[in-house]
Amino acid sequence: MLEQTHSTGLNLTDIIIVIVFLVAMLTIGVLSATSEKMTSGKFFLAGRSLSWVLVGASLFASNISTIHLVGLAACGYNDGLVWGNFEWGAPFILILLGLVFAPFYFKSKISTLPEFLERRFGGASRTFLAVMGLFTALMVHIGMSLYAGAVVFEQFFGIPIHISLLIISVIIVIYTGLGGLKAVVVTETIQSSVLVIGAVIMTIYAILALPDHGIHSYTDLVSAARPGQLDMLQSGKDANAGLSWYAVVLGYPILGIWYWCGDQTIVQRVLGARSARDAAIGPIFAGFLKILPVFIMIIPGILGYVLFKDVIGENSNDTLPVLISHLLPVGLKGLLAAALLAAVMSAVSAALNSSGTLVAIDIFKRINPKLSDRNQLLIGRVSTVVVMILAALWSTQGGKFTSIFEAINTILSMISPPIATVFLLGVFWKRGTRQAAFSTLVLGFVLGVIVFCIDFFKDAGNEIDIIQYIRDIHFLMQAVFLFVICTLNFIIVSLLTPAPAAENVAGITLENPLSFITKGRLTGISDPRVLAGILLLVLVVLYYIFG
């Protein structure tokens, strides 16, 4: 359980910086909402006006939260670079989003991912995915982010959790409820910039402190660090946190395909792109940005171990607070406080807007297809308030988890397999049927809940061998086994049920598995396929250096 142990003791200068940032974000969000007449299309998808820069920056900002800042620093302190695979694995999946899924999403002119699933597999799958999307947004994206932010502010600045929750919730719900996706994306772009700047400053100060602790070379750093703490790829039982290379290679793509390609909270930015080119390049740009967290969030955690292991001790969640209190001067503490607040606001506002979209379009508009634009907008705004209240109430239970970052990934490893199966095979395999999709979603969800309960209630005293065996499997490998089961179910049910008509899958499935690469001439350096190739080359070089 996270506990309050350190405070950075903000002075008046730091407090003023935080207040100015809060007022600025609220003002910018409200101005973006009132600068033009709001419609449901602008509220949910920013009027489909987002450039690739805004799409990519918003994808990055929606993903990076306070959980990342605190959690990755703690993971770096405990286990090191091996957790960086979750960051450097993302660009591979973002390339898949940009080259494969985004063109279909944009061409279909959909407003939600459940709507796309309906076109491919029918209404039952759409309803099920909408409910799952709303559930994960409320429980994970909003609830846990709010709790992590509130705990951090209590640890850092002495602000009680419930007051932090109230302040953050009110500010976010005002500009998200008024301005919709455009307000979210505009503020996210600013927030992500502040976040990166704050994290870079923290990293620089930590590096500059190394000589004072007798560390003058990389060899000295390796000697001072834990065994394997500076190794990205690890193997066998010696792998830190159980993150062996094969668990990462097999398991992360399953979580990634759901998160980056099938989660409304994330993909809504792509749906709001102004052109097919922007929809394709935006995710690839986000892939380049995802290289940064390893250097500015995980490495500071490693440096925290080297510099302050005697201060931090066993409570790795104190890594970031200790770095702040021991390294940063007055003023920069306030800047980092603003960065942390930016991370909370980015993650929550993104999920809040997507929740309003799911409720208005995938639930109410399906009940009443003639629902007016004005009523859709009203429902979207009201639902953002309701979801925020429910998520804030749920967030008060966050203290029951020992590690929020790993808990979230564990939850996602249970949710991701059926959705990843349905989206992946739905686009790559024309033979997939609506019966296969719906049965896979239901089967995967039920199995995921069972596995999660086995893990969650591990202290219940049940010592049945099969339960203990399942519990001992790493969450990434649990995701792999569930994915295999879901894939087999999808294939078998598809072959046992009538094939979909060719006209029903035209335009929403690939002509052949490699057509997203081979179709059409390359148009130069700005071609999404060329940019994806450059990103892959950068990743190969990075893995060669750090692997």
Protein backbone atom coordinates (compact mmCIF):
# COMPACT_ATOMS: atom_id res chain seq x y z
CA MET A 1 0.00 0.00 0.00
CA LEU A 2 1.21 3.47 -0.82
CA GLU A 3 1.98 5.49 2.28
CA GLN A 4 2.75 9.12 2.95
CA THR A 5 6.34 9.34 4.05
CA HIS A 6 7.95 12.36 2.43
CA SER A 7 7.02 15.94 1.62
CA THR A 8 8.96 18.34 -0.56
CA GLY A 9 7.84 21.34 1.49
CA LEU A 10 6.68 23.65 -1.27
CA ASN A 11 7.32 27.32 -0.59
CA LEU A 12 5.33 30.27 -1.90
CA THR A 13 7.12 30.36 -5.28
CA ASP A 14 6.35 26.70 -5.98
CA ILE A 15 2.73 27.11 -4.91
CA ILE A 16 2.30 30.13 -7.21
CA ILE A 17 3.67 28.11 -10.16
CA VAL A 18 1.17 25.30 -9.50
CA ILE A 19 -1.76 27.74 -9.13
CA VAL A 20 -0.81 29.61 -12.32
CA PHE A 21 -0.68 26.30 -14.18
CA LEU A 22 -4.10 25.25 -12.88
CA VAL A 23 -5.67 28.57 -13.87
CA ALA A 24 -3.97 28.48 -17.29
CA MET A 25 -5.24 24.97 -18.08
CA LEU A 26 -8.77 25.85 -17.02
CA THR A 27 -8.69 29.08 -19.03
CA ILE A 28 -7.29 27.47 -22.19
CA GLY A 29 -9.79 24.61 -21.94
CA VAL A 30 -12.76 26.93 -21.51
CA LEU A 31 -11.60 29.29 -24.30
CA SER A 32 -11.25 26.37 -26.71
CA ALA A 33 -14.81 25.41 -25.79
CA THR A 34 -16.32 28.88 -26.32
CA SER A 35 -14.33 29.93 -29.40
CA GLU A 36 -16.88 28.31 -31.72
CA LYS A 37 -20.35 26.83 -31.58
CA MET A 38 -20.24 23.38 -30.03
CA THR A 39 -21.82 20.43 -31.82
CA SER A 40 -21.75 16.72 -31.02
CA GLY A 41 -19.19 16.18 -33.79
CA LYS A 42 -16.88 18.81 -32.30
CA PHE A 43 -17.45 17.60 -28.74
CA PHE A 44 -16.73 13.94 -29.45
CA LEU A 45 -14.22 14.17 -32.34
CA ALA A 46 -13.02 17.81 -32.39
CA GLY A 47 -14.83 18.29 -35.69
CA ARG A 48 -12.31 15.88 -37.26
CA SER A 49 -9.79 18.74 -37.38
CA LEU A 50 -6.71 17.35 -35.60
CA SER A 51 -3.31 17.50 -37.31
CA TRP A 52 -0.84 14.63 -37.02
CA VAL A 53 1.15 16.64 -34.45
CA LEU A 54 -1.90 17.01 -32.19
CA VAL A 55 -2.93 13.38 -32.76
CA GLY A 56 0.53 12.08 -31.83
CA ALA A 57 1.11 14.41 -28.90
CA SER A 58 -2.35 13.64 -27.55
CA LEU A 59 -1.83 9.88 -27.88
CA PHE A 60 1.37 10.25 -25.88
CA ALA A 61 -0.22 12.54 -23.28
CA SER A 62 -3.26 10.27 -22.87
CA ASN A 63 -0.95 7.36 -22.11
CA ILE A 64 1.51 9.10 -19.80
CA SER A 65 -0.01 9.70 -16.37
CA THR A 66 1.13 10.22 -12.80
CA ILE A 67 1.09 6.43 -12.57
CA HIS A 68 3.88 6.48 -15.15
CA LEU A 69 5.92 9.15 -13.40
CA VAL A 70 5.72 7.54 -9.98
CA GLY A 71 5.31 3.93 -11.09
CA LEU A 72 8.14 3.84 -13.63
CA ALA A 73 10.50 5.55 -11.19
CA ALA A 74 9.59 2.89 -8.62
CA CYS A 75 10.01 0.12 -11.21
CA GLY A 76 13.38 1.55 -12.22
CA TYR A 77 14.41 1.60 -8.56
CA ASN A 78 13.34 -2.02 -8.01
CA ASP A 79 14.08 -3.75 -11.30
CA GLY A 80 15.66 -1.33 -13.74
CA LEU A 81 15.46 -1.00 -17.51
CA VAL A 82 13.51 -4.23 -18.01
CA TRP A 83 10.29 -2.25 -17.46
CA GLY A 84 11.34 -0.09 -20.39
CA ASN A 85 10.08 -2.83 -22.68
CA PHE A 86 6.56 -1.60 -21.94
CA GLU A 87 7.59 1.78 -23.37
CA TRP A 88 9.69 0.62 -26.31
CA GLY A 89 7.18 -2.09 -27.14
CA ALA A 90 4.53 0.57 -27.73
CA PRO A 91 6.06 2.02 -30.95
CA PHE A 92 5.75 -1.37 -32.67
CA ILE A 93 2.01 -1.42 -31.90
CA LEU A 94 1.62 2.27 -32.79
CA ILE A 95 3.02 1.44 -36.22
CA LEU A 96 0.30 -1.22 -36.49
CA LEU A 97 -2.28 1.41 -35.51
CA GLY A 98 -0.96 3.94 -38.03
CA LEU A 99 -0.55 1.60 -41.01
CA VAL A 100 -3.31 -0.97 -40.49
CA PHE A 101 -6.12 0.15 -38.21
CA ALA A 102 -6.14 3.95 -38.60
CA PRO A 103 -6.88 3.85 -42.37
CA PHE A 104 -9.91 1.64 -41.75
CA TYR A 105 -11.11 3.75 -38.84
CA PHE A 106 -10.76 7.01 -40.75
CA LYS A 107 -12.25 5.71 -44.00
CA SER A 108 -15.26 4.32 -42.14
CA LYS A 109 -15.96 7.76 -40.58
CA ILE A 110 -16.86 6.09 -37.30
CA SER A 111 -17.22 7.94 -34.01
CA THR A 112 -16.40 5.01 -31.72
CA LEU A 113 -14.55 1.70 -31.94
CA PRO A 114 -17.67 -0.28 -30.95
CA GLU A 115 -19.28 1.28 -34.04
CA PHE A 116 -16.47 -0.15 -36.18
CA LEU A 117 -16.92 -3.54 -34.54
CA GLU A 118 -20.64 -3.42 -35.39
CA ARG A 119 -19.84 -2.87 -39.06
CA ARG A 120 -17.54 -5.87 -39.01
CA PHE A 121 -19.34 -8.22 -36.62
CA GLY A 122 -22.79 -6.88 -35.74
CA GLY A 123 -24.59 -5.13 -32.91
CA ALA A 124 -23.98 -7.68 -30.13
CA SER A 125 -20.21 -7.24 -30.33
CA ARG A 126 -20.63 -3.47 -30.40
CA THR A 127 -22.66 -3.45 -27.20
CA PHE A 128 -20.26 -5.76 -25.39
CA LEU A 129 -17.21 -3.71 -26.38
CA ALA A 130 -18.91 -0.45 -25.38
CA VAL A 131 -19.65 -1.79 -21.90
CA MET A 132 -16.07 -3.09 -21.54
CA GLY A 133 -14.68 0.25 -22.75
CA LEU A 134 -16.79 2.20 -20.27
CA PHE A 135 -15.79 -0.17 -17.48
CA THR A 136 -12.04 0.11 -18.13
CA ALA A 137 -12.20 3.90 -18.57
CA LEU A 138 -13.97 4.32 -15.24
CA MET A 139 -11.99 1.76 -13.25
CA VAL A 140 -8.50 2.13 -14.73
CA HIS A 141 -7.97 5.26 -16.83
CA ILE A 142 -9.88 7.61 -14.53
CA GLY A 143 -10.20 5.95 -11.12
CA MET A 144 -6.63 4.75 -10.66
CA SER A 145 -5.14 7.88 -12.24
CA LEU A 146 -7.11 10.07 -9.84
CA TYR A 147 -5.96 8.03 -6.87
CA ALA A 148 -2.32 8.01 -7.96
CA GLY A 149 -2.41 11.76 -8.47
CA ALA A 150 -4.06 12.39 -5.11
CA VAL A 151 -1.57 10.18 -3.25
CA VAL A 152 1.36 11.85 -4.98
CA PHE A 153 0.10 15.29 -4.01
CA GLU A 154 -0.36 14.16 -0.43
CA GLN A 155 3.17 12.74 -0.38
CA PHE A 156 4.76 15.70 -2.11
CA PHE A 157 2.79 18.71 -1.00
CA GLY A 158 0.79 17.73 2.07
CA ILE A 159 -2.60 18.16 0.35
CA PRO A 160 -5.14 15.64 1.74
CA ILE A 161 -6.23 13.00 -0.76
CA HIS A 162 -9.92 13.93 -0.76
CA ILE A 163 -9.18 17.62 -1.36
CA SER A 164 -6.82 16.72 -4.21
CA LEU A 165 -9.49 14.50 -5.75
CA LEU A 166 -12.04 17.28 -5.53
CA ILE A 167 -9.81 20.00 -7.02
CA ILE A 168 -8.54 17.84 -9.88
CA SER A 169 -11.99 16.44 -10.67
CA VAL A 170 -13.71 19.84 -10.78
CA ILE A 171 -11.12 21.43 -13.08
CA ILE A 172 -11.06 18.50 -15.50
CA VAL A 173 -14.82 18.04 -15.67
CA ILE A 174 -15.31 21.78 -16.41
CA TYR A 175 -13.11 22.02 -19.49
CA THR A 176 -13.79 18.47 -20.68
CA GLY A 177 -17.55 18.88 -20.26
CA LEU A 178 -17.55 22.24 -22.06
CA GLY A 179 -14.96 21.75 -24.76
CA GLY A 180 -14.99 18.03 -25.52
CA LEU A 181 -12.16 16.41 -27.46
CA LYS A 182 -10.74 19.68 -28.85
CA ALA A 183 -10.28 21.08 -25.34
CA VAL A 184 -8.81 17.78 -24.20
CA VAL A 185 -6.31 17.60 -27.08
CA VAL A 186 -5.24 21.25 -26.82
CA THR A 187 -4.65 21.04 -23.07
CA GLU A 188 -3.03 17.60 -23.42
CA THR A 189 -0.47 18.96 -25.87
CA ILE A 190 0.52 21.67 -23.39
CA GLN A 191 0.46 19.25 -20.47
CA SER A 192 2.64 16.69 -22.22
CA SER A 193 5.19 19.40 -22.98
CA VAL A 194 5.30 20.45 -19.32
CA LEU A 195 5.54 16.80 -18.31
CA VAL A 196 8.50 16.07 -20.57
CA ILE A 197 10.31 19.26 -19.52
CA GLY A 198 9.84 18.44 -15.83
CA ALA A 199 11.03 14.85 -16.27
CA VAL A 200 14.07 15.95 -18.30
CA ILE A 201 15.06 18.45 -15.62
CA MET A 202 14.75 15.75 -12.95
CA THR A 203 16.96 13.41 -14.98
CA ILE A 204 19.62 16.07 -15.54
CA TYR A 205 19.81 16.92 -11.83
CA ALA A 206 20.11 13.22 -10.94
CA ILE A 207 22.95 12.72 -13.44
CA LEU A 208 24.77 15.83 -12.18
CA ALA A 209 24.58 14.45 -8.64
CA LEU A 210 26.41 11.21 -9.53
CA PRO A 211 30.02 12.54 -9.15
CA ASP A 212 29.26 13.66 -5.59
CA HIS A 213 28.50 10.01 -4.81
CA GLY A 214 31.74 8.70 -6.32
CA ILE A 215 30.28 7.70 -9.71
CA HIS A 216 32.35 9.07 -12.59
CA SER A 217 31.83 6.50 -15.37
CA TYR A 218 29.30 4.01 -16.74
CA THR A 219 31.35 1.21 -15.16
CA ASP A 220 30.97 2.89 -11.77
CA LEU A 221 27.23 3.16 -12.37
CA VAL A 222 26.91 -0.55 -13.21
CA SER A 223 28.84 -1.46 -10.07
CA ALA A 224 26.60 0.73 -7.89
CA ALA A 225 23.34 -0.53 -9.40
CA ARG A 226 21.48 -3.75 -8.64
CA PRO A 227 22.40 -6.83 -10.72
CA GLY A 228 20.74 -6.57 -14.13
CA GLN A 229 19.29 -3.16 -13.35
CA LEU A 230 20.78 -1.67 -16.54
CA ASP A 231 19.81 -4.59 -18.83
CA MET A 232 16.75 -4.14 -21.02
CA LEU A 233 16.38 -7.77 -22.11
CA GLN A 234 16.66 -10.55 -19.55
CA SER A 235 16.00 -14.27 -19.59
CA GLY A 236 14.96 -17.21 -17.45
CA LYS A 237 14.18 -17.21 -13.76
CA ASP A 238 16.81 -14.52 -13.18
CA ALA A 239 14.74 -11.90 -15.04
CA ASN A 240 13.80 -8.98 -12.81
CA ALA A 241 10.06 -8.87 -11.96
CA GLY A 242 9.61 -12.02 -14.04
CA LEU A 243 9.92 -9.94 -17.22
CA SER A 244 11.91 -12.39 -19.32
CA TRP A 245 12.43 -11.49 -22.96
CA TYR A 246 9.98 -14.13 -24.19
CA ALA A 247 7.25 -12.95 -21.79
CA VAL A 248 7.70 -9.43 -23.14
CA VAL A 249 7.86 -10.46 -26.81
CA LEU A 250 4.81 -12.73 -26.57
CA GLY A 251 2.74 -10.93 -23.95
CA TYR A 252 3.17 -7.21 -24.49
CA PRO A 253 1.75 -7.12 -28.05
CA ILE A 254 -1.52 -8.57 -26.72
CA LEU A 255 -1.88 -5.78 -24.16
CA GLY A 256 -0.63 -3.27 -26.71
CA ILE A 257 -3.07 -4.17 -29.50
CA TRP A 258 -6.01 -3.70 -27.17
CA TYR A 259 -4.63 -0.54 -25.56
CA TRP A 260 -3.33 1.28 -28.64
CA CYS A 261 -5.62 -0.12 -31.36
CA GLY A 262 -8.84 -1.13 -29.59
CA ASP A 263 -9.36 1.22 -26.64
CA GLN A 264 -11.71 4.16 -27.23
CA THR A 265 -9.84 6.39 -24.77
CA ILE A 266 -6.68 6.18 -26.87
CA VAL A 267 -7.94 5.76 -30.42
CA GLN A 268 -10.45 8.62 -30.20
CA ARG A 269 -7.61 10.98 -31.12
CA VAL A 270 -7.12 9.11 -34.39
CA LEU A 271 -10.86 9.26 -35.11
CA GLY A 272 -10.63 13.05 -34.79
CA ALA A 273 -7.84 13.41 -37.40
CA ARG A 274 -8.44 15.87 -40.24
CA SER A 275 -7.17 13.52 -42.97
CA ALA A 276 -6.17 9.91 -43.58
CA ARG A 277 -2.52 11.02 -43.68
CA ASP A 278 -2.80 12.72 -40.28
CA ALA A 279 -4.53 9.64 -38.87
CA ALA A 280 -1.67 7.43 -40.07
CA ILE A 281 1.30 9.66 -39.19
CA GLY A 282 -0.02 10.74 -35.76
CA PRO A 283 0.46 7.30 -34.16
CA ILE A 284 3.95 6.97 -35.66
CA PHE A 285 4.88 10.37 -34.21
CA ALA A 286 3.58 9.10 -30.85
CA GLY A 287 5.84 6.08 -31.33
CA PHE A 288 8.89 8.35 -31.46
CA LEU A 289 7.70 10.14 -28.30
CA LYS A 290 7.33 6.80 -26.49
CA ILE A 291 11.09 6.35 -26.68
CA LEU A 292 11.50 9.16 -24.13
CA PRO A 293 10.04 7.62 -20.91
CA VAL A 294 12.86 5.09 -20.59
CA PHE A 295 15.38 7.93 -20.33
CA ILE A 296 13.36 10.44 -18.29
CA MET A 297 11.24 8.18 -16.06
CA ILE A 298 12.89 4.77 -15.61
CA ILE A 299 16.54 5.84 -15.57
CA PRO A 300 15.83 8.43 -12.83
CA GLY A 301 14.49 5.51 -10.77
CA ILE A 302 17.77 3.65 -11.28
CA LEU A 303 19.69 6.76 -10.33
CA GLY A 304 17.43 7.08 -7.28
CA TYR A 305 18.63 3.65 -6.16
CA VAL A 306 22.27 4.54 -6.74
CA LEU A 307 22.01 7.92 -4.99
CA PHE A 308 19.44 7.43 -2.23
CA LYS A 309 18.87 3.73 -1.57
CA ASP A 310 19.60 4.31 2.12
CA VAL A 311 16.88 6.96 2.25
CA ILE A 312 14.26 5.17 0.11
CA GLY A 313 14.83 1.71 1.51
CA GLU A 314 12.16 -0.85 0.60
CA ASN A 315 9.39 1.65 -0.22
CA SER A 316 10.12 2.19 -3.92
CA ASN A 317 7.06 4.41 -4.32
CA ASP A 318 9.06 7.08 -2.46
CA THR A 319 11.67 7.22 -5.24
CA LEU A 320 10.25 10.25 -7.03
CA PRO A 321 9.43 12.20 -3.82
CA VAL A 322 12.97 11.63 -2.55
CA LEU A 323 14.52 12.72 -5.85
CA ILE A 324 12.45 15.90 -5.73
CA SER A 325 13.16 16.74 -2.12
CA HIS A 326 16.90 16.03 -2.34
CA LEU A 327 17.77 17.37 -5.80
CA LEU A 328 15.48 20.13 -7.03
CA PRO A 329 15.78 23.78 -6.02
CA VAL A 330 12.91 26.15 -5.27
CA GLY A 331 10.85 26.90 -8.37
CA LEU A 332 11.70 23.66 -10.12
CA LYS A 333 9.75 21.80 -7.46
CA GLY A 334 6.74 23.83 -8.52
CA LEU A 335 7.42 23.05 -12.18
CA LEU A 336 7.53 19.32 -11.46
CA ALA A 337 4.36 19.67 -9.40
CA ALA A 338 2.74 21.20 -12.49
CA ALA A 339 4.11 18.30 -14.57
CA LEU A 340 2.59 15.77 -12.20
CA LEU A 341 -0.72 17.60 -12.27
CA ALA A 342 -0.51 17.69 -16.07
CA ALA A 343 -0.09 13.92 -16.14
CA VAL A 344 -3.18 13.36 -14.01
CA MET A 345 -5.28 15.79 -16.02
CA SER A 346 -4.18 14.33 -19.37
CA ALA A 347 -5.05 10.74 -18.53
CA VAL A 348 -8.34 11.55 -16.81
CA SER A 349 -9.65 14.07 -19.33
CA ALA A 350 -8.92 11.68 -22.19
CA ALA A 351 -10.84 8.83 -20.59
CA LEU A 352 -13.64 11.14 -19.49
CA ASN A 353 -14.26 12.40 -23.01
CA SER A 354 -14.22 8.88 -24.45
CA SER A 355 -16.70 7.76 -21.77
CA GLY A 356 -19.11 10.50 -22.76
CA THR A 357 -18.73 9.45 -26.39
CA LEU A 358 -19.48 5.79 -25.61
CA VAL A 359 -22.54 6.63 -23.51
CA ALA A 360 -24.05 9.08 -26.01
CA ILE A 361 -23.33 7.25 -29.26
CA ASP A 362 -23.08 3.54 -28.40
CA ILE A 363 -25.85 3.44 -25.82
CA PHE A 364 -28.36 6.30 -26.09
CA LYS A 365 -28.19 6.83 -29.85
CA ARG A 366 -28.63 3.12 -30.45
CA ILE A 367 -31.69 3.15 -28.23
CA ASN A 368 -33.03 6.20 -30.10
CA PRO A 369 -31.43 6.49 -33.59
CA LYS A 370 -33.27 9.80 -34.14
CA LEU A 371 -31.61 11.41 -31.12
CA SER A 372 -30.94 15.06 -31.97
CA ASP A 373 -27.46 16.59 -32.09
CA ARG A 374 -28.35 18.83 -29.15
CA ASN A 375 -29.46 15.89 -27.00
CA GLN A 376 -26.35 13.88 -27.91
CA LEU A 377 -24.23 16.80 -26.73
CA LEU A 378 -26.24 17.11 -23.52
CA ILE A 379 -25.96 13.38 -22.79
CA GLY A 380 -22.22 13.47 -23.46
CA ARG A 381 -21.73 16.33 -21.03
CA VAL A 382 -23.94 14.90 -18.30
CA SER A 383 -22.31 11.49 -18.58
CA THR A 384 -18.83 13.02 -18.13
CA VAL A 385 -19.97 14.42 -14.78
CA VAL A 386 -21.59 11.13 -13.71
CA VAL A 387 -18.58 9.05 -14.75
CA MET A 388 -16.23 11.43 -12.94
CA ILE A 389 -18.25 11.14 -9.72
CA LEU A 390 -18.32 7.33 -9.93
CA ALA A 391 -14.60 7.16 -10.76
CA ALA A 392 -13.73 9.52 -7.90
CA LEU A 393 -15.67 7.31 -5.48
CA TRP A 394 -13.92 4.20 -6.82
CA SER A 395 -10.52 5.92 -6.65
CA THR A 396 -10.79 6.11 -2.86
CA GLN A 397 -10.29 2.31 -2.87
CA GLY A 398 -6.92 2.58 -4.62
CA GLY A 399 -5.02 2.12 -1.38
CA LYS A 400 -6.00 -1.57 -1.36
CA PHE A 401 -3.47 -2.25 -4.13
CA THR A 402 0.17 -2.79 -3.25
CA SER A 403 1.49 -1.58 -6.61
CA ILE A 404 -0.83 0.47 -8.80
CA PHE A 405 1.34 0.30 -11.92
CA GLU A 406 1.63 -3.47 -11.90
CA ALA A 407 -2.00 -3.85 -10.76
CA ILE A 408 -3.19 -1.93 -13.82
CA ASN A 409 -1.10 -4.06 -16.16
CA THR A 410 -2.42 -7.17 -14.46
CA ILE A 411 -6.00 -6.01 -15.02
CA LEU A 412 -5.24 -5.19 -18.64
CA SER A 413 -3.69 -8.62 -19.20
CA MET A 414 -7.10 -10.09 -18.33
CA ILE A 415 -9.13 -7.69 -20.50
CA SER A 416 -6.88 -7.47 -23.56
CA PRO A 417 -6.79 -11.01 -25.05
CA PRO A 418 -10.38 -11.25 -26.38
CA ILE A 419 -10.40 -7.68 -27.73
CA ALA A 420 -6.97 -8.06 -29.33
CA THR A 421 -8.12 -11.31 -30.95
CA VAL A 422 -11.31 -9.85 -32.38
CA PHE A 423 -9.70 -6.68 -33.76
CA LEU A 424 -6.62 -8.42 -35.15
CA LEU A 425 -8.37 -11.32 -36.85
CA GLY A 426 -11.31 -9.14 -37.78
CA VAL A 427 -9.09 -6.97 -39.99
CA PHE A 428 -6.59 -9.58 -41.20
CA TRP A 429 -9.01 -12.52 -41.80
CA LYS A 430 -12.09 -12.03 -43.95
CA ARG A 431 -13.53 -15.40 -42.90
CA GLY A 432 -14.11 -14.29 -39.30
CA THR A 433 -17.81 -14.28 -38.39
CA ARG A 434 -20.03 -12.31 -36.04
CA GLN A 435 -20.75 -15.43 -33.97
CA ALA A 436 -17.03 -15.99 -33.52
CA ALA A 437 -16.44 -12.38 -32.45
CA PHE A 438 -19.21 -12.25 -29.87
CA SER A 439 -18.43 -15.66 -28.39
CA THR A 440 -14.74 -14.75 -28.18
CA LEU A 441 -15.48 -11.50 -26.35
CA VAL A 442 -17.73 -13.25 -23.84
CA LEU A 443 -15.45 -16.26 -23.33
CA GLY A 444 -12.33 -14.11 -22.98
CA PHE A 445 -13.98 -11.74 -20.54
CA VAL A 446 -15.28 -14.57 -18.32
CA LEU A 447 -11.90 -16.33 -18.29
CA GLY A 448 -10.15 -13.03 -17.59
CA VAL A 449 -12.40 -12.31 -14.62
CA ILE A 450 -11.75 -15.79 -13.23
CA VAL A 451 -7.96 -15.43 -13.55
CA PHE A 452 -8.05 -11.93 -12.06
CA CYS A 453 -10.08 -13.15 -9.06
CA ILE A 454 -7.60 -15.98 -8.53
CA ASP A 455 -4.80 -13.41 -8.38
CA PHE A 456 -6.75 -10.79 -6.41
CA PHE A 457 -7.94 -13.16 -3.67
CA LYS A 458 -4.56 -14.82 -3.22
CA ASP A 459 -4.75 -14.36 0.56
CA ALA A 460 -8.04 -16.25 0.85
CA GLY A 461 -6.21 -19.40 1.97
CA ASN A 462 -7.19 -21.59 -1.00
CA GLU A 463 -4.32 -23.96 -1.75
CA ILE A 464 -5.79 -26.02 -4.61
CA ASP A 465 -2.91 -26.99 -6.89
CA ILE A 466 -4.42 -25.75 -10.16
CA ILE A 467 -5.26 -22.36 -8.62
CA GLN A 468 -1.76 -22.02 -7.22
CA TYR A 469 -0.33 -22.95 -10.63
CA ILE A 470 -2.37 -20.25 -12.39
CA ARG A 471 -1.40 -17.72 -9.74
CA ASP A 472 2.30 -18.44 -10.24
CA ILE A 473 2.14 -17.64 -13.97
CA HIS A 474 3.39 -14.13 -14.76
CA PHE A 475 0.60 -11.79 -15.88
CA LEU A 476 2.14 -11.40 -19.35
CA MET A 477 2.16 -15.16 -19.88
CA GLN A 478 -1.40 -15.36 -18.52
CA ALA A 479 -2.32 -12.94 -21.31
CA VAL A 480 -0.56 -15.19 -23.85
CA PHE A 481 -2.48 -18.30 -22.75
CA LEU A 482 -5.81 -16.43 -22.77
CA PHE A 483 -5.01 -15.05 -26.24
CA VAL A 484 -4.32 -18.54 -27.56
CA ILE A 485 -7.65 -19.78 -26.17
CA CYS A 486 -9.51 -16.81 -27.64
CA THR A 487 -7.82 -17.24 -31.03
CA LEU A 488 -8.69 -20.93 -31.19
CA ASN A 489 -12.29 -20.16 -30.26
CA PHE A 490 -12.49 -17.44 -32.92
CA ILE A 491 -11.10 -19.69 -35.67
CA ILE A 492 -13.17 -22.75 -34.77
CA VAL A 493 -16.47 -20.87 -34.42
CA SER A 494 -15.77 -18.97 -37.65
CA LEU A 495 -15.25 -22.22 -39.56
CA LEU A 496 -18.42 -23.72 -38.07
CA THR A 497 -20.61 -20.74 -38.97
CA PRO A 498 -21.54 -19.21 -42.36
CA ALA A 499 -18.89 -16.97 -43.90
CA PRO A 500 -19.76 -13.26 -44.09
CA ALA A 501 -20.78 -11.91 -47.47
CA ALA A 502 -17.93 -10.39 -49.46
CA GLU A 503 -19.67 -7.01 -49.69
CA ASN A 504 -20.04 -6.90 -45.89
CA VAL A 505 -16.28 -7.10 -45.29
CA ALA A 506 -15.15 -5.00 -48.25
CA GLY A 507 -13.35 -1.88 -47.09
CA ILE A 508 -13.00 -3.00 -43.48
CA THR A 509 -10.59 -5.91 -43.97
CA LEU A 510 -7.18 -6.14 -45.63
CA GLU A 511 -7.04 -7.40 -49.21
CA ASN A 512 -4.09 -9.55 -48.14
CA PRO A 513 -1.99 -9.64 -44.93
CA LEU A 514 0.75 -7.41 -46.41
CA SER A 515 -1.34 -4.99 -48.45
CA PHE A 516 -0.89 -2.26 -45.83
CA ILE A 517 2.80 -2.22 -46.82
CA THR A 518 2.73 -3.11 -50.51
CA LYS A 519 -0.35 -1.20 -51.72
CA GLY A 520 0.40 2.13 -53.41
CA ARG A 521 3.62 3.92 -54.35
CA LEU A 522 5.87 5.49 -51.74
CA THR A 523 5.42 9.27 -51.73
CA GLY A 524 8.69 10.26 -50.11
CA ILE A 525 10.08 10.76 -46.63
CA SER A 526 6.67 11.79 -45.30
CA ASP A 527 5.03 8.53 -46.39
CA PRO A 528 3.76 6.78 -43.23
CA ARG A 529 5.50 3.56 -44.29
CA VAL A 530 8.85 5.34 -44.61
CA LEU A 531 8.42 7.03 -41.23
CA ALA A 532 7.48 3.66 -39.72
CA GLY A 533 10.66 2.16 -41.20
CA ILE A 534 12.77 4.93 -39.64
CA LEU A 535 11.10 4.33 -36.27
CA LEU A 536 11.79 0.59 -36.51
CA LEU A 537 15.44 1.29 -37.33
CA VAL A 538 15.75 3.58 -34.30
CA LEU A 539 14.25 0.90 -32.06
CA VAL A 540 16.61 -1.78 -33.40
CA VAL A 541 19.60 0.47 -32.66
CA LEU A 542 18.33 1.24 -29.15
CA TYR A 543 17.76 -2.42 -28.35
CA TYR A 544 21.22 -3.24 -29.68
CA ILE A 545 22.73 -0.64 -27.34
CA PHE A 546 20.68 -1.38 -24.21
CA GLY A 547 19.61 -4.99 -24.74
